[in-house]
């Protein structure tokens, strides 16, 4: 996947427990313009499943995602 280093806004949800990483991701995406990218970092294991599932159910695009030793990162492009 490309452009994983390019983003318009960063959200650090590290240390937050479910459902806060997902809720904060939703709020951050609402504030972005279409085609802008949000970079999310989280440490809650549930966020790996929840954020990916949420993206599947919306017009947003998961550009990239990584899980490195329990640090979950997501690059999400806002859809129309």
Protein backbone atom coordinates (compact mmCIF):
# COMPACT_ATOMS: atom_id res chain seq x y z
CA UNK A 1 0.00 0.00 0.00
CA UNK A 2 1.22 3.48 -0.78
CA UNK A 3 1.31 6.92 0.81
CA UNK A 4 1.41 5.52 4.34
CA UNK A 5 3.63 8.42 5.42
CA UNK A 6 1.33 11.09 4.00
CA UNK A 7 -1.53 12.30 6.17
CA UNK A 8 -3.45 15.49 6.92
CA UNK A 9 -4.28 14.85 10.57
CA UNK A 10 -2.90 12.52 13.24
CA UNK A 11 -4.90 10.94 16.05
CA UNK A 12 -3.02 9.37 18.95
CA UNK A 13 -5.46 7.04 20.69
CA UNK A 14 -2.70 5.18 22.53
CA UNK A 15 -3.66 4.14 26.04
CA UNK A 16 -7.38 4.51 25.37
CA UNK A 17 -9.63 1.49 25.79
CA UNK A 18 -12.51 0.32 23.63
CA UNK A 19 -14.66 2.01 22.38
CA UNK A 20 -12.72 5.30 22.62
CA UNK A 21 -10.22 4.70 19.77
CA UNK A 22 -13.11 4.04 17.35
CA UNK A 23 -15.22 6.95 18.62
CA UNK A 24 -12.29 9.38 18.36
CA UNK A 25 -11.52 8.04 14.86
CA UNK A 26 -15.12 8.72 13.76
CA UNK A 27 -14.99 12.27 15.16
CA UNK A 28 -11.63 13.00 13.55
CA UNK A 29 -12.86 11.76 10.15
CA UNK A 30 -15.91 14.03 10.36
CA UNK A 31 -13.58 17.03 10.65
CA UNK A 32 -11.61 16.13 7.51
CA UNK A 33 -12.39 17.10 3.94
CA UNK A 34 -13.06 14.40 1.32
CA UNK A 35 -9.82 12.71 0.15
CA UNK A 36 -7.84 13.87 3.20
CA UNK A 37 -6.04 11.19 5.20
CA UNK A 38 -6.19 10.49 8.92
CA UNK A 39 -3.36 8.64 10.65
CA UNK A 40 -4.50 6.80 13.77
CA UNK A 41 -2.27 5.17 16.38
CA UNK A 42 -3.87 2.94 19.03
CA UNK A 43 -2.81 0.35 21.58
CA UNK A 44 -6.18 -1.25 22.38
CA UNK A 45 -6.31 -4.68 20.70
CA UNK A 46 -10.00 -4.23 19.87
CA UNK A 47 -9.17 -1.25 17.69
CA UNK A 48 -7.49 -3.54 15.14
CA UNK A 49 -10.86 -5.21 14.51
CA UNK A 50 -13.22 -2.30 15.23
CA UNK A 51 -11.62 0.41 13.09
CA UNK A 52 -11.17 -1.95 10.12
CA UNK A 53 -14.80 -3.11 10.37
CA UNK A 54 -16.03 0.49 10.61
CA UNK A 55 -14.09 1.45 7.46
CA UNK A 56 -15.64 -1.49 5.58
CA UNK A 57 -19.13 -0.17 6.44
CA UNK A 58 -18.45 3.41 5.27
CA UNK A 59 -17.30 5.27 2.16
CA UNK A 60 -13.88 5.75 3.74
CA UNK A 61 -10.82 3.86 2.49
CA UNK A 62 -8.24 2.02 4.56
CA UNK A 63 -5.07 3.06 2.73
CA UNK A 64 -2.74 1.12 5.03
CA UNK A 65 -2.69 -0.57 8.43
CA UNK A 66 0.03 -2.09 10.57
CA UNK A 67 0.32 -3.98 13.83
CA UNK A 68 3.79 -3.74 15.33
CA UNK A 69 4.10 -5.25 18.79
CA UNK A 70 0.62 -4.14 19.84
CA UNK A 71 0.88 -0.66 18.34
CA UNK A 72 -1.87 -0.43 15.74
CA UNK A 73 -1.64 2.18 13.00
CA UNK A 74 -4.23 3.07 10.39
CA UNK A 75 -4.11 5.46 7.44
CA UNK A 76 -7.69 6.27 6.51
CA UNK A 77 -8.73 8.31 3.47
CA UNK A 78 -12.04 10.09 3.94
CA UNK A 79 -14.63 9.18 1.36
CA UNK A 80 -17.50 11.23 -0.03
